[in-house]
Protein backbone atom coordinates (compact mmCIF):
# COMPACT_ATOMS: atom_id res chain seq x y z
CA UNK A 1 -109.72 -14.03 -95.02
CA UNK A 2 -107.65 -12.30 -92.08
CA UNK A 3 -108.40 -8.71 -89.86
CA UNK A 4 -106.86 -6.75 -88.27
CA UNK A 5 -108.38 -5.71 -84.92
CA UNK A 6 -107.40 -2.58 -83.58
CA UNK A 7 -104.85 -2.29 -82.39
CA UNK A 8 -101.79 0.92 -82.05
CA UNK A 9 -102.47 3.65 -84.76
CA UNK A 10 -99.38 2.91 -88.17
CA UNK A 11 -96.75 5.31 -86.89
CA UNK A 12 -96.27 7.73 -89.82
CA UNK A 13 -92.53 8.03 -91.62
CA UNK A 14 -90.58 9.48 -89.78
CA UNK A 15 -88.43 12.66 -90.64
CA UNK A 16 -85.09 11.42 -89.06
CA UNK A 17 -83.26 12.70 -91.91
CA UNK A 18 -81.16 8.77 -93.27
CA UNK A 19 -82.14 7.21 -95.58
CA UNK A 20 -84.93 4.33 -95.27
CA UNK A 21 -84.54 0.53 -94.41
CA UNK A 22 -80.54 1.78 -93.11
CA UNK A 23 -79.29 1.15 -89.52
CA UNK A 24 -79.15 4.33 -88.09
CA UNK A 25 -82.86 4.37 -90.00
CA UNK A 26 -83.91 2.09 -86.69
CA UNK A 27 -81.91 3.85 -84.31
CA UNK A 28 -83.81 6.57 -84.49
CA UNK A 29 -86.38 5.52 -82.33
CA UNK A 30 -86.35 6.03 -79.15
CA UNK A 31 -88.43 2.52 -77.98
CA UNK A 32 -86.91 1.03 -80.30
CA UNK A 33 -83.48 1.76 -79.26
CA UNK A 34 -84.22 1.25 -75.08
CA UNK A 35 -85.36 -2.45 -75.85
CA UNK A 36 -82.46 -2.72 -78.56
CA UNK A 37 -80.12 -1.99 -75.62
CA UNK A 38 -81.98 -3.67 -72.79
CA UNK A 39 -81.78 -7.58 -74.69
CA UNK A 40 -78.99 -6.42 -76.33
CA UNK A 41 -77.26 -6.35 -72.64
CA UNK A 42 -79.25 -10.17 -71.91
CA UNK A 43 -77.53 -11.74 -75.01
CA UNK A 44 -74.43 -11.08 -73.93
CA UNK A 45 -75.11 -13.61 -70.30
CA UNK A 46 -77.50 -15.40 -72.41
CA UNK A 47 -74.34 -16.68 -75.10
CA UNK A 48 -71.72 -17.02 -72.31
CA UNK A 49 -73.56 -19.45 -71.21
CA UNK A 50 -74.87 -20.98 -74.03
CA UNK A 51 -71.05 -21.03 -75.41
CA UNK A 52 -69.90 -22.72 -71.81
CA UNK A 53 -72.47 -24.91 -71.62
CA UNK A 54 -71.70 -27.24 -74.10
CA UNK A 55 -67.65 -27.17 -73.79
CA UNK A 56 -68.92 -28.22 -70.46
CA UNK A 57 -70.51 -31.40 -71.53
CA UNK A 58 -68.18 -31.91 -74.15
CA UNK A 59 -65.04 -31.89 -71.27
CA UNK A 60 -67.11 -33.80 -68.78
CA UNK A 61 -68.43 -36.68 -71.46
CA UNK A 62 -66.01 -36.27 -74.77
CA UNK A 63 -69.41 -36.97 -76.71
CA UNK A 64 -70.28 -35.11 -79.23
CA UNK A 65 -73.90 -36.36 -79.21
CA UNK A 66 -74.40 -35.81 -75.86
CA UNK A 67 -73.79 -31.96 -76.61
CA UNK A 68 -76.03 -32.19 -79.55
CA UNK A 69 -78.59 -33.60 -76.93
CA UNK A 70 -78.18 -30.65 -74.67
CA UNK A 71 -78.23 -28.13 -77.79
CA UNK A 72 -81.37 -30.41 -78.48
CA UNK A 73 -83.30 -29.57 -74.98
CA UNK A 74 -82.66 -26.01 -75.58
CA UNK A 75 -83.37 -25.22 -78.75
CA UNK A 76 -86.22 -28.30 -79.00
CA UNK A 77 -89.07 -27.16 -77.55
CA UNK A 78 -88.94 -24.29 -81.24
CA UNK A 79 -89.59 -27.37 -83.06
CA UNK A 80 -93.25 -28.23 -81.09
CA UNK A 81 -94.33 -24.65 -79.55
CA UNK A 82 -93.66 -21.69 -81.43
CA UNK A 83 -96.74 -22.73 -83.10
CA UNK A 84 -98.63 -22.72 -79.28
CA UNK A 85 -96.93 -19.68 -78.89
CA UNK A 86 -98.05 -17.40 -81.21
CA UNK A 87 -101.73 -18.30 -80.35
CA UNK A 88 -101.04 -17.05 -77.17
CA UNK A 89 -99.66 -14.26 -78.14
CA UNK A 90 -102.96 -13.20 -79.72
CA UNK A 91 -104.41 -13.87 -77.28
CA UNK A 92 -103.43 -12.54 -73.64
CA UNK A 93 -101.16 -9.35 -73.24
CA UNK A 94 -98.14 -9.58 -74.77
CA UNK A 95 -96.49 -7.31 -72.49
CA UNK A 96 -97.07 -9.59 -69.40
CA UNK A 97 -96.37 -12.21 -71.35
CA UNK A 98 -92.69 -11.86 -72.16
CA UNK A 99 -92.42 -10.40 -68.57
CA UNK A 100 -93.72 -13.32 -67.39
CA UNK A 101 -90.92 -15.72 -69.31
CA UNK A 102 -88.15 -14.22 -68.79
CA UNK A 103 -88.42 -14.02 -65.16
CA UNK A 104 -89.03 -17.61 -65.25
CA UNK A 105 -86.12 -18.19 -67.40
CA UNK A 106 -84.39 -15.81 -65.05
CA UNK A 107 -84.94 -18.69 -62.71
CA UNK A 108 -84.11 -21.51 -63.99
CA UNK A 109 -80.71 -20.49 -65.26
CA UNK A 110 -80.59 -19.59 -61.33
CA UNK A 111 -81.42 -23.48 -61.18
CA UNK A 112 -78.71 -24.42 -63.95
CA UNK A 113 -75.80 -22.29 -62.38
CA UNK A 114 -76.52 -24.74 -58.97
CA UNK A 115 -76.99 -27.97 -61.11
CA UNK A 116 -73.26 -27.31 -62.05
CA UNK A 117 -71.44 -25.95 -58.79
CA UNK A 118 -73.05 -29.46 -57.31
CA UNK A 119 -71.91 -30.88 -59.81
CA UNK A 120 -74.89 -32.85 -60.74
CA UNK A 121 -76.41 -35.00 -63.01
CA UNK A 122 -76.14 -34.11 -67.53
CA UNK A 123 -79.30 -35.15 -67.31
CA UNK A 124 -80.04 -32.66 -64.48
CA UNK A 125 -78.60 -29.75 -66.56
CA UNK A 126 -80.56 -31.09 -69.18
CA UNK A 127 -84.23 -31.10 -67.10
CA UNK A 128 -83.51 -27.10 -66.66
CA UNK A 129 -82.14 -26.59 -70.70
CA UNK A 130 -85.29 -28.03 -71.46
CA UNK A 131 -88.11 -25.42 -69.51
CA UNK A 132 -85.83 -22.70 -70.91
CA UNK A 133 -86.06 -23.35 -74.11
CA UNK A 134 -89.76 -23.44 -73.71
CA UNK A 135 -90.06 -20.22 -72.00
CA UNK A 136 -87.72 -18.74 -74.92
CA UNK A 137 -90.11 -20.97 -76.86
CA UNK A 138 -93.06 -19.28 -75.55
CA UNK A 139 -91.98 -15.78 -75.76
CA UNK A 140 -90.27 -15.80 -78.81
CA UNK A 141 -93.28 -15.19 -81.10
CA UNK A 142 -94.70 -12.07 -78.59
CA UNK A 143 -91.72 -10.77 -78.46
CA UNK A 144 -91.73 -11.22 -82.59
CA UNK A 145 -94.69 -9.90 -83.72
CA UNK A 146 -94.43 -6.87 -81.51
CA UNK A 147 -90.99 -5.54 -82.08
CA UNK A 148 -90.95 -4.80 -85.50
CA UNK A 149 -93.70 -2.67 -84.46
CA UNK A 150 -91.88 -0.51 -82.83
CA UNK A 151 -90.12 1.33 -86.45
CA UNK A 152 -92.15 2.56 -89.48
CA UNK A 153 -92.70 -0.74 -91.91
CA UNK A 154 -89.56 1.79 -94.29
CA UNK A 155 -86.74 0.84 -91.34
CA UNK A 156 -87.92 -2.39 -91.31
CA UNK A 157 -85.32 -3.68 -92.62
CA UNK A 158 -82.45 -1.50 -90.69
CA UNK A 159 -84.31 -2.62 -87.64
CA UNK A 160 -83.95 -6.55 -88.48
CA UNK A 161 -80.21 -5.98 -89.44
CA UNK A 162 -79.60 -4.57 -86.04
CA UNK A 163 -81.25 -7.14 -84.27
CA UNK A 164 -79.58 -9.60 -86.01
CA UNK A 165 -75.84 -7.92 -86.16
CA UNK A 166 -76.66 -7.90 -82.45
CA UNK A 167 -77.71 -10.66 -81.74
CA UNK A 168 -73.69 -12.06 -83.15
CA UNK A 169 -71.99 -9.07 -81.27
CA UNK A 170 -72.97 -10.99 -78.46
CA UNK A 171 -71.75 -13.92 -79.95
CA UNK A 172 -68.51 -12.69 -79.49
CA UNK A 173 -68.79 -10.84 -75.97
CA UNK A 174 -70.14 -13.51 -73.96
CA UNK A 175 -67.75 -15.70 -74.90
CA UNK A 176 -65.11 -13.21 -74.63
CA UNK A 177 -66.79 -11.59 -70.98
CA UNK A 178 -67.31 -15.22 -69.87
CA UNK A 179 -63.47 -15.42 -70.25
CA UNK A 180 -62.84 -12.07 -69.03
CA UNK A 181 -64.52 -13.27 -65.52
CA UNK A 182 -62.63 -16.12 -65.98
CA UNK A 183 -59.63 -14.40 -65.51
CA UNK A 184 -61.37 -12.71 -62.63
CA UNK A 185 -61.78 -16.24 -60.50
CA UNK A 186 -65.23 -16.26 -61.38
CA UNK A 187 -66.07 -20.56 -62.37
CA UNK A 188 -68.74 -21.28 -64.93
CA UNK A 189 -71.40 -21.64 -62.07
CA UNK A 190 -70.20 -18.51 -60.85
CA UNK A 191 -70.10 -16.65 -64.44
CA UNK A 192 -73.48 -18.91 -64.46
CA UNK A 193 -75.56 -16.69 -62.49
CA UNK A 194 -73.96 -13.64 -64.17
CA UNK A 195 -76.31 -14.44 -67.32
CA UNK A 196 -79.48 -15.55 -64.43
CA UNK A 197 -78.54 -11.42 -63.55
CA UNK A 198 -78.28 -9.87 -67.05
CA UNK A 199 -81.74 -10.62 -67.52
CA UNK A 200 -82.73 -7.50 -65.26
CA UNK A 201 -81.88 -5.60 -67.82
CA UNK A 202 -84.54 -6.36 -70.94
CA UNK A 203 -86.74 -6.98 -68.04
CA UNK A 204 -86.64 -3.60 -67.31
CA UNK A 205 -86.27 -2.19 -70.98
CA UNK A 206 -90.12 -3.80 -71.45
CA UNK A 207 -91.38 -2.29 -68.00
CA UNK A 208 -89.97 1.27 -69.68
CA UNK A 209 -91.87 0.99 -72.67
CA UNK A 210 -95.31 -0.07 -73.93
CA UNK A 211 -94.71 -3.38 -76.89
CA UNK A 212 -97.65 -2.38 -79.49
CA UNK A 213 -99.65 -5.10 -79.45
CA UNK A 214 -101.76 -6.03 -82.72
CA UNK A 215 -104.08 -8.65 -83.03
CA UNK A 216 -105.73 -10.51 -85.65
CA UNK A 217 -109.07 -11.61 -85.85
CA UNK A 218 -108.85 -15.44 -87.64
CA UNK A 219 -112.14 -17.43 -89.34
CA UNK A 220 -110.39 -19.90 -87.94
CA UNK A 221 -111.58 -21.53 -84.95
CA UNK A 222 -110.27 -24.12 -82.03
CA UNK A 223 -107.96 -26.33 -82.91
CA UNK A 224 -107.72 -25.41 -86.55
CA UNK A 225 -106.40 -22.17 -84.68
CA UNK A 226 -102.69 -23.89 -85.05
CA UNK A 227 -102.93 -23.90 -88.72
CA UNK A 228 -103.46 -20.24 -89.41
CA UNK A 229 -99.62 -20.26 -90.23
CA UNK A 230 -99.37 -22.93 -92.37
CA UNK A 231 -102.69 -21.57 -94.45
CA UNK A 232 -101.11 -17.79 -95.10
CA UNK A 233 -97.94 -19.01 -96.09
CA UNK A 234 -99.33 -21.47 -98.31
CA UNK A 235 -101.71 -18.99 -99.98
CA UNK A 236 -98.82 -16.31 -100.13
CA UNK A 237 -96.02 -18.37 -102.12
CA UNK A 238 -92.53 -16.28 -100.81
CA UNK A 239 -93.56 -17.69 -97.37
CA UNK A 240 -94.22 -21.45 -97.86
CA UNK A 241 -90.62 -21.52 -100.11
CA UNK A 242 -88.65 -19.60 -97.41
CA UNK A 243 -89.95 -22.36 -94.77
CA UNK A 244 -88.99 -24.79 -96.46
CA UNK A 245 -85.43 -23.98 -97.84
CA UNK A 246 -84.23 -22.85 -94.21
CA UNK A 247 -86.48 -25.77 -92.46
CA UNK A 248 -84.11 -27.86 -95.03
CA UNK A 249 -80.97 -25.65 -94.40
CA UNK A 250 -81.54 -25.66 -90.57
CA UNK A 251 -81.25 -29.41 -90.38
CA UNK A 252 -78.17 -30.15 -93.50
CA UNK A 253 -76.54 -27.79 -93.31
CA UNK A 254 -76.25 -25.45 -89.67
CA UNK A 255 -75.15 -29.43 -87.40
CA UNK A 256 -71.09 -27.47 -87.24
CA UNK A 257 -73.14 -24.81 -85.49
CA UNK A 258 -73.99 -26.30 -81.85
CA UNK A 259 -71.25 -29.21 -82.03
CA UNK A 260 -68.66 -26.45 -82.89
CA UNK A 261 -66.40 -27.66 -79.59
CA UNK A 262 -66.70 -30.84 -81.32
CA UNK A 263 -65.60 -30.00 -84.85
CA UNK A 264 -62.20 -27.77 -83.21
CA UNK A 265 -61.67 -31.06 -81.69
CA UNK A 266 -61.87 -33.59 -84.04
CA UNK A 267 -60.77 -31.24 -87.50
CA UNK A 268 -58.63 -28.70 -86.45
CA UNK A 269 -57.38 -30.73 -82.80
CA UNK A 270 -58.00 -27.52 -80.79
CA UNK A 271 -59.55 -28.67 -77.07
CA UNK A 272 -62.64 -27.03 -75.92
CA UNK A 273 -61.54 -25.65 -72.97
CA UNK A 274 -58.58 -23.66 -74.18
CA UNK A 275 -58.50 -20.43 -75.02
CA UNK A 276 -57.58 -20.75 -78.76
CA UNK A 277 -61.23 -23.09 -78.84
CA UNK A 278 -62.80 -19.35 -77.25
CA UNK A 279 -60.71 -17.17 -80.08
CA UNK A 280 -61.22 -19.28 -82.83
CA UNK A 281 -65.78 -19.47 -81.80
CA UNK A 282 -65.09 -15.66 -81.47
CA UNK A 283 -64.05 -15.54 -85.08
CA UNK A 284 -67.26 -16.76 -85.90
CA UNK A 285 -69.05 -15.01 -84.02
CA UNK A 286 -67.84 -11.25 -85.54
CA UNK A 287 -68.52 -13.03 -89.02
CA UNK A 288 -71.39 -13.26 -88.26
CA UNK A 289 -71.93 -9.82 -86.63
CA UNK A 290 -70.55 -8.11 -89.52
CA UNK A 291 -72.58 -10.27 -92.05
CA UNK A 292 -75.78 -9.51 -90.12
CA UNK A 293 -75.11 -5.61 -90.34
CA UNK A 294 -74.22 -5.50 -93.40
CA UNK A 295 -77.47 -6.12 -95.11
CA UNK A 296 -78.73 -3.14 -92.63
CA UNK A 297 -75.50 -0.92 -93.73
CA UNK A 298 -73.28 -1.04 -97.41
CA UNK A 299 -75.38 -3.55 -98.95
CA UNK A 300 -78.40 -1.63 -98.31
CA UNK A 301 -78.13 -1.22 -102.06
CA UNK A 302 -78.66 -4.58 -102.61
CA UNK A 303 -81.97 -5.99 -103.34
CA UNK A 304 -82.24 -8.91 -100.08
CA UNK A 305 -83.94 -11.07 -102.84
CA UNK A 306 -79.98 -11.43 -104.21
CA UNK A 307 -77.59 -11.47 -101.78
CA UNK A 308 -80.02 -14.54 -100.21
CA UNK A 309 -77.96 -15.97 -103.65
CA UNK A 310 -74.99 -14.51 -102.58
CA UNK A 311 -74.94 -15.73 -99.39
CA UNK A 312 -76.46 -19.33 -100.00
CA UNK A 313 -73.13 -19.31 -102.31
CA UNK A 314 -70.55 -18.48 -99.64
CA UNK A 315 -72.00 -20.29 -97.48
CA UNK A 316 -71.67 -23.59 -99.41
CA UNK A 317 -67.67 -22.94 -99.89
CA UNK A 318 -66.21 -21.32 -96.81
CA UNK A 319 -68.22 -24.31 -95.56
CA UNK A 320 -67.08 -26.69 -97.85
CA UNK A 321 -62.61 -25.27 -96.78
CA UNK A 322 -64.05 -24.86 -93.63
CA UNK A 323 -64.84 -29.04 -93.46
CA UNK A 324 -61.45 -30.39 -94.33
CA UNK A 325 -59.25 -27.21 -93.32
CA UNK A 326 -56.69 -29.41 -90.72
CA UNK A 327 -55.00 -26.63 -88.61
CA UNK A 328 -54.99 -24.48 -86.28
CA UNK A 329 -54.50 -21.14 -87.64
CA UNK A 330 -56.64 -20.84 -91.59
CA UNK A 331 -59.81 -21.35 -89.41
CA UNK A 332 -59.64 -18.23 -88.11
CA UNK A 333 -60.11 -16.30 -92.01
CA UNK A 334 -62.49 -19.31 -92.67
CA UNK A 335 -64.58 -19.33 -89.70
CA UNK A 336 -65.10 -16.19 -89.86
CA UNK A 337 -66.14 -15.64 -93.66
CA UNK A 338 -68.67 -18.70 -93.25
CA UNK A 339 -70.42 -16.71 -89.86
CA UNK A 340 -70.20 -13.79 -92.16
CA UNK A 341 -72.48 -15.36 -95.30
CA UNK A 342 -74.34 -17.55 -92.95
CA UNK A 343 -75.84 -14.72 -91.33
CA UNK A 344 -75.35 -11.75 -94.52
CA UNK A 345 -77.90 -14.83 -95.52
CA UNK A 346 -80.05 -15.51 -92.35
CA UNK A 347 -81.38 -12.01 -92.36
CA UNK A 348 -81.54 -10.99 -95.14
CA UNK A 349 -83.95 -14.21 -95.02
CA UNK A 350 -85.84 -12.83 -91.89
CA UNK A 351 -86.20 -9.57 -93.83
CA UNK A 352 -87.72 -10.63 -96.96
CA UNK A 353 -90.66 -12.59 -94.59
CA UNK A 354 -91.27 -9.92 -92.19
CA UNK A 355 -92.13 -7.47 -95.60
CA UNK A 356 -94.46 -9.96 -96.59
CA UNK A 357 -96.24 -10.64 -94.03
CA UNK A 358 -98.92 -7.93 -92.61
CA UNK A 359 -98.86 -6.85 -88.78
CA UNK A 360 -102.00 -8.92 -87.86
CA UNK A 361 -99.84 -12.54 -89.97
CA UNK A 362 -96.59 -11.94 -87.86
CA UNK A 363 -97.96 -13.94 -84.74
CA UNK A 364 -99.79 -16.44 -86.73
CA UNK A 365 -96.63 -16.95 -88.96
CA UNK A 366 -93.88 -16.22 -87.59
CA UNK A 367 -93.56 -19.08 -84.86
CA UNK A 368 -93.03 -21.72 -87.80
CA UNK A 369 -89.93 -18.84 -88.61
CA UNK A 370 -88.54 -20.31 -85.81
CA UNK A 371 -90.39 -23.51 -85.51
CA UNK A 372 -87.39 -24.19 -89.21
CA UNK A 373 -85.14 -21.47 -88.28
CA UNK A 374 -84.42 -22.09 -84.63
CA UNK A 375 -86.52 -25.36 -84.01
CA UNK A 376 -84.75 -27.17 -86.27
CA UNK A 377 -80.85 -26.88 -85.82
CA UNK A 378 -81.37 -29.24 -82.31
CA UNK A 379 -82.39 -32.11 -84.45
CA UNK A 380 -79.56 -30.78 -86.82
CA UNK A 381 -77.32 -31.24 -84.34
CA UNK A 382 -78.71 -34.29 -82.33
CA UNK A 383 -78.68 -36.45 -86.03
CA UNK A 384 -74.97 -35.21 -86.45
CA UNK A 385 -73.24 -35.49 -83.68
CA UNK A 386 -74.42 -39.16 -83.83
CA UNK A 387 -73.11 -38.88 -87.19
CA UNK A 388 -70.05 -37.81 -85.93
CA UNK A 389 -69.35 -40.07 -84.40
CA UNK A 390 -70.13 -42.62 -87.11
CA UNK A 391 -69.02 -40.95 -90.80
CA UNK A 392 -66.96 -37.93 -89.89
CA UNK A 393 -67.20 -34.43 -89.21
CA UNK A 394 -65.42 -33.69 -92.83
CA UNK A 395 -68.63 -36.23 -94.61
CA UNK A 396 -71.13 -34.39 -92.29
CA UNK A 397 -70.33 -30.38 -93.07
CA UNK A 398 -69.67 -31.61 -96.49
CA UNK A 399 -73.15 -32.82 -97.12
CA UNK A 400 -74.22 -28.75 -95.02
CA UNK A 401 -71.97 -27.53 -98.30
CA UNK A 402 -72.87 -28.78 -101.53
CA UNK A 403 -76.76 -28.63 -100.34
CA UNK A 404 -75.98 -24.89 -99.65
CA UNK A 405 -75.48 -24.96 -102.73
CA UNK A 406 -78.07 -26.28 -104.02
CA UNK A 407 -80.59 -23.29 -101.88
CA UNK A 408 -78.66 -20.82 -103.63
CA UNK A 409 -80.79 -21.94 -106.83
CA UNK A 410 -84.31 -22.16 -105.54
CA UNK A 411 -84.29 -19.81 -102.86
CA UNK A 412 -83.81 -17.07 -105.78
CA UNK A 413 -87.37 -15.26 -105.20
CA UNK A 414 -86.07 -13.54 -108.37
CA UNK A 415 -87.61 -16.17 -110.47
CA UNK A 416 -91.40 -16.36 -108.55
CA UNK A 417 -93.88 -14.71 -110.27
CA UNK A 418 -95.31 -10.71 -108.52
CA UNK A 419 -98.14 -12.63 -107.56
CA UNK A 420 -95.87 -14.58 -104.72
CA UNK A 421 -95.94 -12.03 -102.50
CA UNK A 422 -97.10 -9.72 -100.56
CA UNK A 423 -99.21 -6.54 -102.96
CA UNK A 424 -97.24 -3.06 -102.59
CA UNK A 425 -101.44 -2.44 -101.66
CA UNK A 426 -100.46 -4.16 -98.34
CA UNK A 427 -97.05 -3.10 -97.56
CA UNK A 428 -94.88 -5.12 -99.35
CA UNK A 429 -92.16 -4.45 -102.04
CA UNK A 430 -91.85 -4.00 -104.77
CA UNK A 431 -90.48 -6.44 -107.84
CA UNK A 432 -86.78 -7.01 -108.36
CA UNK A 433 -85.41 -7.09 -112.03
CA UNK A 434 -83.02 -10.50 -112.43
CA UNK A 435 -80.11 -9.33 -112.35
């Protein structure tokens, strides 16, 4: 049994004049806006580096497997350190923890810029990326357990949609900004330096806004505390179903994300260091941005449980087509559709997960989400990079498409009984009829 320790009072339902649960409603909260804008600016810098570094490794080594290693060392710590990070977030000040991790990430990014400038060993670059990934893994549970509390629970769907849209909007703006900086003469290492400076925007936002810090008092003690999130997910079947489904989706269907430069070269004949590749990636990112934003805007009238089914079906169809393309034009259109359905689905799943947790449970359960979503992707990239060289990129992406189609049925939450969800009395959603 879990009890929530006294924390900041629940925000009363606001009179913002917007439809509850929409993006416009979420933006009516001043503290949310400040953190949202600060994080968005920082994320532009992050995506500049996330976009350029794999392409740099691909061009320097010509090995998809090493591109997979680059993604793994940065995202892999989410798989191993998310649960300790969640436990740490429940023991210390979340505000101080987030600030410390952001400062550490900025300094380590400066180190990456120096290593690239010196053309150092790729393994030295991998080591620094691992440390950045570690800081991110320790920061993520604290942030994701605090950010939802900046808005009223009725507007949580809009806030999550905006956050997902921001991540994918900056996924587009990052490469575009990197391209513009390259045009004006900045080198790769100098662009990484700009990324390090961009961390200041989020650091300033965290200084300006007192992040809510609700902690839970669990019955588990000692090492057993590492399993609190697993216990909660097991006792509330909807959480377990979403986590297992996202784990398999990330491992099997999303290998193409980190290996995007390899897919472009092997399938479409597009060089990873070309402007055509940058625009292809931007097209995919633009689709992902639209998909994430759709959940809090024009698709907000549809229940998330319906969107999950439709989203996985869309991913399966678009990924299947994307895997078989051979020209340099059609991938722009199909890639944008793939990005749309991917993040429409991911945003709907994240919203359903958050709305089926009590406020005091987030620091324990969200680390599992980071493990299955962010932490599993690098494992898929690591295996995918090897499989690309053995059976080919088309086969790997095709397998991912088939698995997404299976998940369209297995993750149909409308098939679960009402007791599988958080009760309405505890802040859960009302049941949705199967249509």
